[in-house]
Amino acid sequence: MNSQTQEISFSSPTGDSTKNFIYNSSSKEEGRVCNQKHTLPPFVHEEAPTPTPDLVLFLDFDGRNPPTVTHQQHRVTVKDGKPRFFDSPELAKARADICARLETLSPDAPYEGPVELCVWWLFRDSRNREGWRDTKPDTDNLEKLLKDCMTRMRFWIDDAQVVAEHVFKRWSTTPGIVISITQL
């Protein structure tokens, strides 16, 4: 394993097995993960509806939890009697953070036609819990910002192309976002 490759270990929700998740952190290949079953966290394969995605990414936030600011945190002002919506500073920072990590990972050409999107939001907990995260924020609120960033980074032409969506929130010893995309 060279200096640009990082190995991350994940435990299953029951803690009975650990698998390694290897990704390459060099330039265009940053975050790309091979589609072999043993390279993904075990719960990804237990929960994923599609066995072989076209693209799998891991977004690492330098050991921090992924941003939890949601689209519901837009701000509004009135100018000339018309409402104007804008991002709060926190939302703008989260958008920039996600887009920066997606920028080098985008496909050469955007997906056309319908796609399936599976996302695992992995959060570190100060109490070292593992398993499902059943606390806020809601998955639909997390997804909106991510899908908007993926649209901006040209993963697809329009996020309306996402016709099947599966979202999971879990406690993990390695925080980040695992994203899989499958062309349908």
C-alpha atoms as a PDB file:
ATOM      1  CA  MET A   1       0.000   0.000   0.000  1.00  0.00           C
ATOM      2  CA  ASN A   2       1.590   3.290  -1.064  1.00  0.00           C
ATOM      3  CA  SER A   3       1.429   6.620   0.761  1.00  0.00           C
ATOM      4  CA  GLN A   4      -1.548   7.729  -1.311  1.00  0.00           C
ATOM      5  CA  THR A   5      -3.674   4.744  -0.351  1.00  0.00           C
ATOM      6  CA  GLN A   6      -5.511   4.574   2.939  1.00  0.00           C
ATOM      7  CA  GLU A   7      -7.061   1.565   4.599  1.00  0.00           C
ATOM      8  CA  ILE A   8     -10.071   2.007   6.843  1.00  0.00           C
ATOM      9  CA  SER A   9     -11.597  -0.738   8.975  1.00  0.00           C
ATOM     10  CA  PHE A  10     -15.322  -1.021   9.595  1.00  0.00           C
ATOM     11  CA  SER A  11     -17.108  -3.358  11.975  1.00  0.00           C
ATOM     12  CA  SER A  12     -20.474  -4.882  11.265  1.00  0.00           C
ATOM     13  CA  PRO A  13     -23.410  -3.629  13.364  1.00  0.00           C
ATOM     14  CA  THR A  14     -23.119  -6.714  15.561  1.00  0.00           C
ATOM     15  CA  GLY A  15     -19.366  -6.296  15.877  1.00  0.00           C
ATOM     16  CA  ASP A  16     -18.682  -9.859  14.749  1.00  0.00           C
ATOM     17  CA  SER A  17     -16.627  -9.071  11.649  1.00  0.00           C
ATOM     18  CA  THR A  18     -14.329  -6.369  10.377  1.00  0.00           C
ATOM     19  CA  LYS A  19     -13.638  -5.634   6.722  1.00  0.00           C
ATOM     20  CA  ASN A  20     -11.183  -3.248   5.189  1.00  0.00           C
ATOM     21  CA  PHE A  21     -12.232  -0.411   2.941  1.00  0.00           C
ATOM     22  CA  ILE A  22      -9.370   0.785   0.761  1.00  0.00           C
ATOM     23  CA  TYR A  23      -9.402   3.914  -1.321  1.00  0.00           C
ATOM     24  CA  ASN A  24      -6.843   5.773  -3.327  1.00  0.00           C
ATOM     25  CA  SER A  25      -6.273   9.401  -2.389  1.00  0.00           C
ATOM     26  CA  SER A  26      -4.364  10.479  -5.485  1.00  0.00           C
ATOM     27  CA  SER A  27      -5.680  13.242  -7.784  1.00  0.00           C
ATOM     28  CA  LYS A  28      -8.524  12.127 -10.087  1.00  0.00           C
ATOM     29  CA  GLU A  29      -8.753   8.719  -8.414  1.00  0.00           C
ATOM     30  CA  GLU A  30      -9.249  10.191  -4.939  1.00  0.00           C
ATOM     31  CA  GLY A  31     -12.037   8.410  -3.159  1.00  0.00           C
ATOM     32  CA  ARG A  32     -12.720   5.854  -5.877  1.00  0.00           C
ATOM     33  CA  VAL A  33     -13.231   2.376  -4.529  1.00  0.00           C
ATOM     34  CA  CYS A  34     -13.112  -0.840  -6.483  1.00  0.00           C
ATOM     35  CA  ASN A  35     -16.419  -2.678  -6.721  1.00  0.00           C
ATOM     36  CA  GLN A  36     -15.284  -5.884  -5.057  1.00  0.00           C
ATOM     37  CA  LYS A  37     -17.410  -7.050  -2.160  1.00  0.00           C
ATOM     38  CA  HIS A  38     -14.540  -7.327   0.320  1.00  0.00           C
ATOM     39  CA  THR A  39     -13.485  -3.684  -0.073  1.00  0.00           C
ATOM     40  CA  LEU A  40     -16.688  -2.135   1.269  1.00  0.00           C
ATOM     41  CA  PRO A  41     -17.972  -2.100   4.838  1.00  0.00           C
ATOM     42  CA  PRO A  42     -19.918  -5.306   5.450  1.00  0.00           C
ATOM     43  CA  PHE A  43     -23.156  -3.483   6.203  1.00  0.00           C
ATOM     44  CA  VAL A  44     -23.027  -1.835   2.769  1.00  0.00           C
ATOM     45  CA  HIS A  45     -23.539  -5.211   1.148  1.00  0.00           C
ATOM     46  CA  GLU A  46     -26.113  -6.292   3.680  1.00  0.00           C
ATOM     47  CA  GLU A  47     -28.214  -3.169   3.037  1.00  0.00           C
ATOM     48  CA  ALA A  48     -27.488  -2.277  -0.599  1.00  0.00           C
ATOM     49  CA  PRO A  49     -30.335  -3.140  -2.964  1.00  0.00           C
ATOM     50  CA  THR A  50     -28.049  -3.320  -6.009  1.00  0.00           C
ATOM     51  CA  PRO A  51     -25.113  -5.716  -5.807  1.00  0.00           C
ATOM     52  CA  THR A  52     -22.754  -4.050  -8.299  1.00  0.00           C
ATOM     53  CA  PRO A  53     -22.750  -0.254  -8.450  1.00  0.00           C
ATOM     54  CA  ASP A  54     -21.053   1.548 -11.330  1.00  0.00           C
ATOM     55  CA  LEU A  55     -19.237   3.958  -9.037  1.00  0.00           C
ATOM     56  CA  VAL A  56     -18.473   3.905  -5.316  1.00  0.00           C
ATOM     57  CA  LEU A  57     -16.954   6.880  -3.514  1.00  0.00           C
ATOM     58  CA  PHE A  58     -15.829   7.609   0.011  1.00  0.00           C
ATOM     59  CA  LEU A  59     -15.864  11.239   1.123  1.00  0.00           C
ATOM     60  CA  ASP A  60     -13.418  11.731   3.966  1.00  0.00           C
ATOM     61  CA  PHE A  61     -13.819  14.906   6.017  1.00  0.00           C
ATOM     62  CA  ASP A  62     -10.346  14.678   7.583  1.00  0.00           C
ATOM     63  CA  GLY A  63     -11.602  12.573  10.483  1.00  0.00           C
ATOM     64  CA  ARG A  64     -14.532  14.890  11.182  1.00  0.00           C
ATOM     65  CA  ASN A  65     -18.185  13.947  10.889  1.00  0.00           C
ATOM     66  CA  PRO A  66     -19.856  14.863   7.598  1.00  0.00           C
ATOM     67  CA  PRO A  67     -21.666  18.219   7.542  1.00  0.00           C
ATOM     68  CA  THR A  68     -25.137  18.053   9.084  1.00  0.00           C
ATOM     69  CA  VAL A  69     -26.327  21.490   7.984  1.00  0.00           C
ATOM     70  CA  THR A  70     -29.480  21.035   5.925  1.00  0.00           C
ATOM     71  CA  HIS A  71     -31.283  22.831   3.131  1.00  0.00           C
ATOM     72  CA  GLN A  72     -33.945  23.831   5.628  1.00  0.00           C
ATOM     73  CA  GLN A  73     -31.470  26.348   6.964  1.00  0.00           C
ATOM     74  CA  HIS A  74     -31.893  28.740   4.018  1.00  0.00           C
ATOM     75  CA  ARG A  75     -32.321  32.394   4.933  1.00  0.00           C
ATOM     76  CA  VAL A  76     -34.879  34.745   3.443  1.00  0.00           C
ATOM     77  CA  THR A  77     -34.939  38.485   3.009  1.00  0.00           C
ATOM     78  CA  VAL A  78     -37.423  40.762   1.273  1.00  0.00           C
ATOM     79  CA  LYS A  79     -36.246  43.155  -1.408  1.00  0.00           C
ATOM     80  CA  ASP A  80     -38.619  45.276  -3.463  1.00  0.00           C
ATOM     81  CA  GLY A  81     -41.508  43.389  -1.895  1.00  0.00           C
ATOM     82  CA  LYS A  82     -40.214  40.016  -3.137  1.00  0.00           C
ATOM     83  CA  PRO A  83     -38.727  37.261  -0.990  1.00  0.00           C
ATOM     84  CA  ARG A  84     -35.118  36.370  -1.770  1.00  0.00           C
ATOM     85  CA  PHE A  85     -33.649  33.126  -0.490  1.00  0.00           C
ATOM     86  CA  PHE A  86     -29.967  32.684   0.258  1.00  0.00           C
ATOM     87  CA  ASP A  87     -27.704  30.230   2.028  1.00  0.00           C
ATOM     88  CA  SER A  88     -26.807  30.809   5.660  1.00  0.00           C
ATOM     89  CA  PRO A  89     -23.034  31.036   6.235  1.00  0.00           C
ATOM     90  CA  GLU A  90     -23.140  27.530   7.760  1.00  0.00           C
ATOM     91  CA  LEU A  91     -24.962  26.095   4.734  1.00  0.00           C
ATOM     92  CA  ALA A  92     -22.587  27.848   2.311  1.00  0.00           C
ATOM     93  CA  LYS A  93     -19.594  26.377   4.188  1.00  0.00           C
ATOM     94  CA  ALA A  94     -21.089  22.858   4.168  1.00  0.00           C
ATOM     95  CA  ARG A  95     -21.887  23.134   0.437  1.00  0.00           C
ATOM     96  CA  ALA A  96     -18.323  24.263  -0.321  1.00  0.00           C
ATOM     97  CA  ASP A  97     -16.893  21.446   1.822  1.00  0.00           C
ATOM     98  CA  ILE A  98     -18.913  18.720   0.071  1.00  0.00           C
ATOM     99  CA  CYS A  99     -18.357  20.176  -3.412  1.00  0.00           C
ATOM    100  CA  ALA A 100     -14.591  20.386  -2.811  1.00  0.00           C
ATOM    101  CA  ARG A 101     -14.483  16.682  -1.981  1.00  0.00           C
ATOM    102  CA  LEU A 102     -16.665  15.727  -4.958  1.00  0.00           C
ATOM    103  CA  GLU A 103     -14.870  17.913  -7.490  1.00  0.00           C
ATOM    104  CA  THR A 104     -12.042  15.500  -8.324  1.00  0.00           C
ATOM    105  CA  LEU A 105     -14.331  12.460  -8.153  1.00  0.00           C
ATOM    106  CA  SER A 106     -16.909  13.392 -10.769  1.00  0.00           C
ATOM    107  CA  PRO A 107     -17.218  11.110 -13.783  1.00  0.00           C
ATOM    108  CA  ASP A 108     -15.772  12.171 -17.131  1.00  0.00           C
ATOM    109  CA  ALA A 109     -19.319  12.625 -18.425  1.00  0.00           C
ATOM    110  CA  PRO A 110     -22.488  13.013 -16.369  1.00  0.00           C
ATOM    111  CA  TYR A 111     -24.780  10.023 -16.077  1.00  0.00           C
ATOM    112  CA  GLU A 112     -27.682  10.156 -18.488  1.00  0.00           C
ATOM    113  CA  GLY A 113     -30.999   8.509 -17.801  1.00  0.00           C
ATOM    114  CA  PRO A 114     -32.171   6.978 -14.534  1.00  0.00           C
ATOM    115  CA  VAL A 115     -29.759   6.190 -11.711  1.00  0.00           C
ATOM    116  CA  GLU A 116     -29.955   4.569  -8.315  1.00  0.00           C
ATOM    117  CA  LEU A 117     -28.211   6.367  -5.460  1.00  0.00           C
ATOM    118  CA  CYS A 118     -27.203   4.669  -2.209  1.00  0.00           C
ATOM    119  CA  VAL A 119     -25.630   6.763   0.528  1.00  0.00           C
ATOM    120  CA  TRP A 120     -24.260   5.792   3.924  1.00  0.00           C
ATOM    121  CA  TRP A 121     -23.745   8.730   6.288  1.00  0.00           C
ATOM    122  CA  LEU A 122     -21.159   7.581   8.823  1.00  0.00           C
ATOM    123  CA  PHE A 123     -20.831   9.499  12.081  1.00  0.00           C
ATOM    124  CA  ARG A 124     -18.321   9.093  14.878  1.00  0.00           C
ATOM    125  CA  ASP A 125     -19.824   9.173  18.337  1.00  0.00           C
ATOM    126  CA  SER A 126     -18.045  10.300  21.486  1.00  0.00           C
ATOM    127  CA  ARG A 127     -19.522   7.241  23.253  1.00  0.00           C
ATOM    128  CA  ASN A 128     -18.150   4.882  20.546  1.00  0.00           C
ATOM    129  CA  ARG A 129     -21.578   3.597  19.627  1.00  0.00           C
ATOM    130  CA  GLU A 130     -22.011   1.521  16.497  1.00  0.00           C
ATOM    131  CA  GLY A 131     -25.098   0.598  14.513  1.00  0.00           C
ATOM    132  CA  TRP A 132     -27.949   2.817  13.379  1.00  0.00           C
ATOM    133  CA  ARG A 133     -28.005   6.534  14.091  1.00  0.00           C
ATOM    134  CA  ASP A 134     -31.630   7.313  14.874  1.00  0.00           C
ATOM    135  CA  THR A 135     -31.089  10.939  15.852  1.00  0.00           C
ATOM    136  CA  LYS A 136     -31.307  14.168  13.867  1.00  0.00           C
ATOM    137  CA  PRO A 137     -30.728  15.299  11.197  1.00  0.00           C
ATOM    138  CA  ASP A 138     -33.277  13.507   9.052  1.00  0.00           C
ATOM    139  CA  THR A 139     -31.938  11.571   6.063  1.00  0.00           C
ATOM    140  CA  ASP A 140     -34.042  13.486   3.525  1.00  0.00           C
ATOM    141  CA  ASN A 141     -32.578  16.776   4.747  1.00  0.00           C
ATOM    142  CA  LEU A 142     -29.016  15.436   4.529  1.00  0.00           C
ATOM    143  CA  GLU A 143     -29.596  14.092   1.027  1.00  0.00           C
ATOM    144  CA  LYS A 144     -30.897  17.312  -0.506  1.00  0.00           C
ATOM    145  CA  LEU A 145     -27.605  19.147  -0.006  1.00  0.00           C
ATOM    146  CA  LEU A 146     -25.531  16.166  -1.173  1.00  0.00           C
ATOM    147  CA  LYS A 147     -27.617  15.682  -4.334  1.00  0.00           C
ATOM    148  CA  ASP A 148     -27.434  19.399  -5.144  1.00  0.00           C
ATOM    149  CA  CYS A 149     -23.645  19.264  -4.788  1.00  0.00           C
ATOM    150  CA  MET A 150     -23.478  16.156  -6.973  1.00  0.00           C
ATOM    151  CA  THR A 151     -25.568  17.925  -9.617  1.00  0.00           C
ATOM    152  CA  ARG A 152     -23.271  20.947  -9.448  1.00  0.00           C
ATOM    153  CA  MET A 153     -20.232  18.663  -9.877  1.00  0.00           C
ATOM    154  CA  ARG A 154     -21.856  17.025 -12.941  1.00  0.00           C
ATOM    155  CA  PHE A 155     -22.459  13.505 -11.651  1.00  0.00           C
ATOM    156  CA  TRP A 156     -25.743  13.711 -13.559  1.00  0.00           C
ATOM    157  CA  ILE A 157     -27.576  16.345 -15.554  1.00  0.00           C
ATOM    158  CA  ASP A 158     -30.428  16.777 -13.086  1.00  0.00           C
ATOM    159  CA  ASP A 159     -31.040  15.178  -9.707  1.00  0.00           C
ATOM    160  CA  ALA A 160     -34.483  14.201 -10.997  1.00  0.00           C
ATOM    161  CA  GLN A 161     -32.588  11.327 -12.678  1.00  0.00           C
ATOM    162  CA  VAL A 162     -32.261   9.693  -9.250  1.00  0.00           C
ATOM    163  CA  VAL A 163     -35.238   7.343  -9.473  1.00  0.00           C
ATOM    164  CA  ALA A 164     -34.233   4.998  -6.652  1.00  0.00           C
ATOM    165  CA  GLU A 165     -32.651   6.260  -3.487  1.00  0.00           C
ATOM    166  CA  HIS A 166     -31.465   4.469  -0.378  1.00  0.00           C
ATOM    167  CA  VAL A 167     -30.089   6.404   2.566  1.00  0.00           C
ATOM    168  CA  PHE A 168     -28.555   5.036   5.745  1.00  0.00           C
ATOM    169  CA  LYS A 169     -27.243   6.797   8.864  1.00  0.00           C
ATOM    170  CA  ARG A 170     -24.854   4.833  11.031  1.00  0.00           C
ATOM    171  CA  TRP A 171     -22.435   5.288  13.889  1.00  0.00           C
ATOM    172  CA  SER A 172     -18.944   4.348  12.784  1.00  0.00           C
ATOM    173  CA  THR A 173     -15.374   4.526  13.969  1.00  0.00           C
ATOM    174  CA  THR A 174     -14.535   6.150  10.607  1.00  0.00           C
ATOM    175  CA  PRO A 175     -16.771   9.116   9.786  1.00  0.00           C
ATOM    176  CA  GLY A 176     -17.539  10.119   6.204  1.00  0.00           C
ATOM    177  CA  ILE A 177     -19.980   9.485   3.383  1.00  0.00           C
ATOM    178  CA  VAL A 178     -20.036   6.355   1.211  1.00  0.00           C
ATOM    179  CA  ILE A 179     -21.853   6.959  -2.084  1.00  0.00           C
ATOM    180  CA  SER A 180     -22.725   4.362  -4.706  1.00  0.00           C
ATOM    181  CA  ILE A 181     -24.274   5.158  -8.078  1.00  0.00           C
ATOM    182  CA  THR A 182     -25.778   2.582 -10.415  1.00  0.00           C
ATOM    183  CA  GLN A 183     -26.962   3.353 -13.930  1.00  0.00           C
ATOM    184  CA  LEU A 184     -30.377   1.709 -14.393  1.00  0.00           C
END
